[in-house]
């Protein structure tokens, strides 16, 4: 998986936590950027996945 970031996946608990953050927040930021640009699908997904975006009600 390439999320645009480098994270070591060595089986440790710390690596698991880092991977979870990267693979959650990086796609979430994509939703935020696209919702802010006005893309309807991104706005729908922000609501569906409970992504908190102040400018989206």
Protein backbone atom coordinates (compact mmCIF):
# COMPACT_ATOMS: atom_id res chain seq x y z
CA UNK A 1 0.00 0.00 0.00
CA UNK A 2 1.33 3.44 -0.85
CA UNK A 3 -0.26 6.26 1.09
CA UNK A 4 2.30 8.88 0.08
CA UNK A 5 4.22 8.41 3.32
CA UNK A 6 6.91 6.06 4.54
CA UNK A 7 6.17 4.00 7.66
CA UNK A 8 8.02 0.92 8.85
CA UNK A 9 5.72 -2.11 9.26
CA UNK A 10 7.86 -4.37 11.42
CA UNK A 11 5.16 -6.08 13.48
CA UNK A 12 5.63 -3.99 16.62
CA UNK A 13 2.72 -2.37 18.45
CA UNK A 14 4.23 1.07 17.77
CA UNK A 15 4.38 0.39 14.03
CA UNK A 16 0.79 -0.85 14.10
CA UNK A 17 -0.32 2.42 15.71
CA UNK A 18 1.63 4.50 13.18
CA UNK A 19 0.21 2.53 10.25
CA UNK A 20 -3.32 2.97 11.54
CA UNK A 21 -2.82 6.74 11.82
CA UNK A 22 -1.29 7.07 8.35
CA UNK A 23 -3.91 4.89 6.66
CA UNK A 24 -6.75 6.74 8.41
CA UNK A 25 -5.66 10.38 8.34
CA UNK A 26 -4.05 10.50 4.89
CA UNK A 27 -7.21 9.36 3.04
CA UNK A 28 -9.27 11.55 5.39
CA UNK A 29 -7.28 14.59 4.31
CA UNK A 30 -8.05 13.71 0.70
CA UNK A 31 -11.76 13.78 1.54
CA UNK A 32 -11.30 17.14 3.31
CA UNK A 33 -9.46 18.68 0.33
CA UNK A 34 -12.03 17.48 -2.19
CA UNK A 35 -15.02 18.43 -0.03
CA UNK A 36 -13.55 21.90 0.42
CA UNK A 37 -13.27 22.13 -3.38
CA UNK A 38 -17.00 21.39 -3.59
CA UNK A 39 -17.02 17.83 -4.91
CA UNK A 40 -20.39 16.29 -4.03
CA UNK A 41 -19.03 12.76 -3.65
CA UNK A 42 -16.40 13.96 -1.17
CA UNK A 43 -19.05 15.81 0.83
CA UNK A 44 -21.23 12.68 0.86
CA UNK A 45 -18.29 10.55 2.01
CA UNK A 46 -17.33 13.06 4.68
CA UNK A 47 -20.82 12.69 6.13
CA UNK A 48 -20.89 8.91 5.64
CA UNK A 49 -17.54 8.33 7.37
CA UNK A 50 -18.03 11.08 9.98
CA UNK A 51 -15.07 13.15 8.78
CA UNK A 52 -15.29 16.41 10.72
CA UNK A 53 -15.03 19.37 8.33
CA UNK A 54 -16.00 22.75 9.85
CA UNK A 55 -17.20 24.27 6.57
CA UNK A 56 -19.46 21.28 5.77
CA UNK A 57 -22.76 21.06 7.66
